[in-house]
Protein backbone atom coordinates (compact mmCIF):
# COMPACT_ATOMS: atom_id res chain seq x y z
CA MET A 1 -7.03 261.82 66.07
CA LEU A 2 -5.97 265.30 65.03
CA ILE A 3 -5.55 268.32 67.25
CA HIS A 4 -4.73 271.51 65.43
CA GLN A 5 -4.39 274.57 67.63
CA LYS A 6 -3.27 278.14 67.29
CA GLY A 7 -1.44 279.04 70.48
CA GLY A 8 -1.81 282.15 72.59
CA SER A 9 -0.88 285.56 71.28
CA ARG A 10 2.88 285.99 71.17
CA GLU A 11 2.41 289.65 72.05
CA ASN A 12 1.09 288.64 75.48
CA HIS A 13 4.48 287.35 76.62
CA TYR A 14 6.97 288.08 73.86
CA PRO A 15 6.42 291.68 72.71
CA PRO A 16 8.01 292.01 69.25
CA ASP A 17 11.00 294.27 68.88
CA PRO A 18 11.59 295.21 65.22
CA ALA A 19 15.17 296.17 66.07
CA LYS A 20 15.95 292.55 66.95
CA PRO A 21 15.61 289.40 64.83
CA LEU A 22 12.59 287.18 65.44
CA ILE A 23 13.66 283.64 66.38
CA SER A 24 11.37 280.73 65.57
CA ILE A 25 11.99 277.96 68.11
CA ILE A 26 10.66 274.63 66.83
CA LEU A 27 10.01 271.91 69.38
CA VAL A 28 9.03 268.43 68.18
CA THR A 29 7.46 266.11 70.74
CA LEU A 30 6.19 262.56 71.14
CA ASN A 31 5.24 261.14 74.55
CA ALA A 32 7.49 263.68 76.25
CA GLU A 33 5.69 264.10 79.57
CA ALA A 34 8.80 263.26 81.63
CA TYR A 35 10.83 266.26 80.48
CA LEU A 36 8.66 268.59 78.36
CA ARG A 37 7.86 271.04 81.15
CA THR A 38 11.56 271.57 81.89
CA CYS A 39 12.24 272.25 78.22
CA LEU A 40 9.32 274.68 77.89
CA LEU A 41 10.33 276.63 80.99
CA SER A 42 13.92 276.91 79.73
CA ILE A 43 12.52 278.61 76.62
CA ILE A 44 9.94 280.79 78.37
CA ASN A 45 12.49 282.03 80.92
CA GLN A 46 15.05 283.20 78.36
CA GLN A 47 15.99 286.87 78.61
CA TYR A 48 15.82 287.19 74.84
CA THR A 49 12.09 287.48 74.23
CA ASN A 50 11.75 288.23 70.52
CA ILE A 51 10.79 284.64 69.78
CA GLU A 52 7.89 282.56 68.55
CA LEU A 53 7.53 279.03 69.89
CA LEU A 54 6.04 276.31 67.70
CA VAL A 55 5.33 272.84 69.11
CA PHE A 56 4.63 269.94 66.75
CA ASP A 57 3.50 266.75 68.45
CA GLY A 58 3.23 263.36 66.79
CA LEU A 59 -0.01 262.25 68.50
CA SER A 60 1.31 261.60 71.99
CA THR A 61 -0.63 259.13 74.14
CA ASP A 62 0.70 260.31 77.52
CA SER A 63 0.08 263.70 79.17
CA THR A 64 2.18 265.67 76.65
CA ILE A 65 -0.87 267.47 75.20
CA GLU A 66 -2.09 268.48 78.65
CA ILE A 67 1.32 269.99 79.42
CA ILE A 68 1.32 271.86 76.10
CA LYS A 69 -2.12 273.27 76.92
CA GLU A 70 -0.83 274.52 80.29
CA TYR A 71 1.58 276.80 78.40
CA ASP A 72 -0.77 277.67 75.55
CA THR A 73 -0.48 281.42 76.08
CA GLN A 74 3.31 281.22 75.66
CA ILE A 75 3.15 279.06 72.54
CA SER A 76 2.61 280.82 69.23
CA TYR A 77 1.37 277.71 67.45
CA TRP A 78 1.01 274.03 68.24
CA GLN A 79 -0.51 270.95 66.70
CA SER A 80 -0.73 267.23 67.34
CA SER A 81 -1.06 265.10 64.23
CA PRO A 82 0.48 262.05 62.51
CA ASP A 83 3.89 262.52 60.94
CA GLN A 84 6.58 260.47 59.26
CA GLY A 85 9.17 261.12 61.94
CA ILE A 86 11.13 263.95 63.50
CA TYR A 87 12.25 265.61 60.29
CA ASP A 88 8.83 265.46 58.67
CA ALA A 89 7.45 267.32 61.70
CA MET A 90 10.29 269.84 61.43
CA ASN A 91 9.60 270.45 57.75
CA LYS A 92 5.94 271.09 58.57
CA ALA A 93 6.84 273.41 61.43
CA ILE A 94 9.16 275.46 59.22
CA GLN A 95 6.20 276.15 56.95
CA GLN A 96 4.24 277.57 59.89
CA SER A 97 7.13 279.66 61.23
CA THR A 98 7.63 283.35 60.52
CA GLY A 99 10.98 284.08 62.18
CA ASP A 100 14.13 285.50 60.64
CA TRP A 101 16.00 282.58 62.19
CA ILE A 102 15.03 278.96 62.78
CA TYR A 103 16.19 277.05 65.85
CA PHE A 104 15.33 273.42 66.73
CA ILE A 105 15.24 271.85 70.18
CA GLY A 106 14.30 268.39 71.42
CA ALA A 107 11.74 267.95 74.19
CA ASP A 108 14.38 266.32 76.38
CA ASP A 109 16.84 269.22 75.90
CA LYS A 110 16.85 272.62 77.60
CA LEU A 111 18.06 276.07 76.67
CA LEU A 112 20.86 277.72 78.64
CA PRO A 113 21.66 281.45 79.05
CA GLY A 114 24.02 281.15 76.09
CA PHE A 115 20.95 281.01 73.84
CA THR A 116 20.21 284.65 74.63
CA ASN A 117 23.87 285.55 74.09
CA MET A 118 23.84 283.89 70.67
CA CYS A 119 20.66 285.71 69.66
CA GLU A 120 22.54 288.98 70.05
CA GLU A 121 25.14 287.78 67.51
CA LEU A 122 22.70 287.22 64.64
CA THR A 123 23.54 290.01 62.23
CA SER A 124 23.85 288.54 58.72
CA LYS A 125 21.01 286.54 57.17
CA SER A 126 23.47 284.74 54.92
CA ASN A 127 25.28 283.17 57.88
CA VAL A 128 24.57 279.89 59.64
CA TYR A 129 25.53 280.62 63.25
CA TYR A 130 26.56 277.85 65.63
CA GLY A 131 28.00 277.56 69.12
CA ASP A 132 28.83 275.10 71.88
CA MET A 133 26.72 272.64 73.87
CA SER A 134 26.69 270.81 77.14
CA TYR A 135 25.81 267.12 77.08
CA SER A 136 23.64 265.84 79.93
CA GLY A 137 25.10 268.58 82.10
CA LYS A 138 28.75 268.21 81.04
CA VAL A 139 30.15 271.20 79.19
CA THR A 140 32.47 270.36 76.31
CA SER A 141 34.00 272.84 73.90
CA ARG A 142 33.22 271.80 70.32
CA LYS A 143 34.95 274.87 68.85
CA LYS A 144 35.04 275.89 65.20
CA TYR A 145 34.36 273.34 62.48
CA SER A 146 36.28 272.69 59.27
CA GLY A 147 34.95 270.87 56.24
CA TYR A 148 36.97 267.80 57.18
CA ARG A 149 35.56 267.80 60.70
CA LEU A 150 32.04 268.07 59.29
CA SER A 151 32.74 264.98 57.17
CA LYS A 152 33.33 262.99 60.37
CA GLU A 153 30.78 264.52 62.74
CA THR A 154 27.97 266.97 62.39
CA ILE A 155 27.31 270.14 64.35
CA CYS A 156 24.83 269.42 67.11
CA HIS A 157 21.34 270.37 65.97
CA GLN A 158 20.68 272.34 69.15
CA ALA A 159 23.82 274.44 68.55
CA ILE A 160 22.71 275.95 65.23
CA PHE A 161 20.67 278.99 64.22
CA TYR A 162 19.63 278.72 60.56
CA PRO A 163 18.74 281.81 58.56
CA ARG A 164 15.27 281.55 57.10
CA ALA A 165 16.75 281.69 53.59
CA ALA A 166 18.33 278.25 54.13
CA PHE A 167 14.86 276.68 54.06
CA GLU A 168 13.83 278.60 50.99
CA TYR A 169 16.32 276.38 49.14
CA TYR A 170 16.38 273.20 51.23
CA SER A 171 14.30 270.98 53.48
CA TYR A 172 15.11 267.92 55.57
CA ASP A 173 15.54 264.77 53.49
CA LEU A 174 13.22 262.13 54.99
CA HIS A 175 15.41 259.37 53.51
CA TYR A 176 17.62 259.98 56.54
CA PRO A 177 15.40 259.39 59.60
CA LEU A 178 18.07 260.23 62.20
CA ALA A 179 20.73 262.24 60.36
CA ALA A 180 18.84 264.53 57.99
CA ASP A 181 20.34 267.52 59.81
CA TRP A 182 23.84 266.25 58.99
CA ALA A 183 22.88 265.87 55.33
CA LEU A 184 21.47 269.41 55.37
CA ASN A 185 24.63 270.83 56.95
CA LEU A 186 26.77 269.22 54.25
CA ARG A 187 24.64 270.83 51.55
CA LEU A 188 24.70 274.24 53.22
CA TRP A 189 28.47 274.05 53.75
CA SER A 190 28.96 273.66 50.01
CA ASP A 191 26.48 276.44 49.14
CA LYS A 192 28.42 279.66 48.55
CA ARG A 193 25.33 281.70 49.43
CA PHE A 194 25.87 280.73 53.08
CA LYS A 195 28.74 280.91 55.54
CA PHE A 196 29.09 279.00 58.84
CA VAL A 197 30.05 281.34 61.69
CA PHE A 198 31.04 280.16 65.19
CA PHE A 199 30.62 281.89 68.56
CA PRO A 200 31.66 280.15 71.80
CA HIS A 201 28.30 280.42 73.57
CA VAL A 202 26.98 277.31 75.34
CA ILE A 203 23.49 277.37 73.87
CA ALA A 204 21.69 274.34 75.28
CA ASP A 205 22.02 271.16 77.25
CA PHE A 206 21.63 268.19 74.92
CA SER A 207 20.17 264.95 76.22
CA LEU A 208 22.08 261.82 75.28
CA SER A 209 18.90 259.76 75.61
CA GLY A 210 17.44 260.90 72.29
CA ALA A 211 16.92 258.66 69.26
CA SER A 212 19.87 260.06 67.30
CA SER A 213 22.21 259.49 70.26
CA LEU A 214 21.15 255.90 70.84
CA ASN A 215 20.81 254.75 67.22
CA GLN A 216 22.61 255.04 63.91
CA ASP A 217 21.08 256.21 60.67
CA LYS A 218 21.90 253.30 58.35
CA ASN A 219 20.75 255.16 55.25
CA PHE A 220 23.05 258.06 55.99
CA LEU A 221 26.01 255.80 56.76
CA GLU A 222 25.52 254.08 53.40
CA ASP A 223 25.54 257.45 51.62
CA GLN A 224 28.06 259.30 53.77
CA THR A 225 31.11 258.80 51.55
CA ARG A 226 29.19 259.88 48.46
CA LEU A 227 27.79 262.94 50.23
CA VAL A 228 31.23 263.96 51.48
CA LYS A 229 32.63 263.77 47.96
CA LYS A 230 29.69 265.66 46.47
CA TYR A 231 29.52 268.52 48.96
CA LEU A 232 32.97 268.84 50.51
CA GLY A 233 35.24 268.25 47.52
CA PHE A 234 37.86 265.74 46.49
CA VAL A 235 40.60 266.68 48.98
CA ILE A 236 38.34 266.25 52.01
CA TYR A 237 36.83 263.14 50.42
CA LEU A 238 40.31 261.64 50.09
CA ARG A 239 41.19 262.44 53.72
CA PHE A 240 37.87 260.97 54.81
CA CYS A 241 38.49 257.73 52.91
CA ILE A 242 42.00 257.37 54.31
CA LYS A 243 40.63 257.89 57.82
CA LYS A 244 38.00 255.19 57.26
CA LEU A 245 40.62 252.74 55.99
CA ARG A 246 42.88 253.39 58.98
CA THR A 247 39.97 252.90 61.37
CA ARG A 248 39.04 249.58 59.76
CA TYR A 249 42.66 248.40 59.88
CA LYS A 250 42.94 249.39 63.53
CA TYR A 251 39.90 247.35 64.52
CA ARG A 252 41.08 244.36 62.51
CA GLU A 253 44.22 244.28 64.65
CA TYR A 254 42.03 243.51 67.63
């Protein structure tokens, strides 16, 4: 089964404003009927309207497609077809997008007013902009990242706006089924063509029921130390290794 559909005209609901950057919001779905409508409405109701919405579904068997069709006129492009996982769908969606900035959201997440606030901060196309999140309704301040912090934890996917240029050089590595975004962030952090810039806007509410929250990416964990050394440098690599050894020693005491 393959459904391939051009959505409704973006101009009907999101009149383009050449003075503002166009944001491509990419939403990947699979059997998301329980929460998809809430997510879509959180996007449609944003005050920042210079957006295109792309929905890539992995052949849902519930009512996900029917819900997508309900909002067809507010969706710039959607399709339902087989994929090799979340990041494969994202890579495909990037190819269909036309925005100056790329933003990813899960079907069980929802945008907050801080999304609009962050859109107003997007001024340099060589910057990767990121902000704060709430987690299942609880607001926590993640604050600014350092290279060492990025070695231990990634920036939440729903907190980042990527400049289009980032995906002219990189794509998501499908070897990492749950942490390809972390691997990408490590590569971008080391790339002198890009700079990570933080603003304290609470962009979205992130669901802790998603696959990446409930499971670990074994492939990434096996490669993490090597990736840290390759992309973050020897000093951070050394700190990272010392931290791992201390953690192992601590648990052995119990």
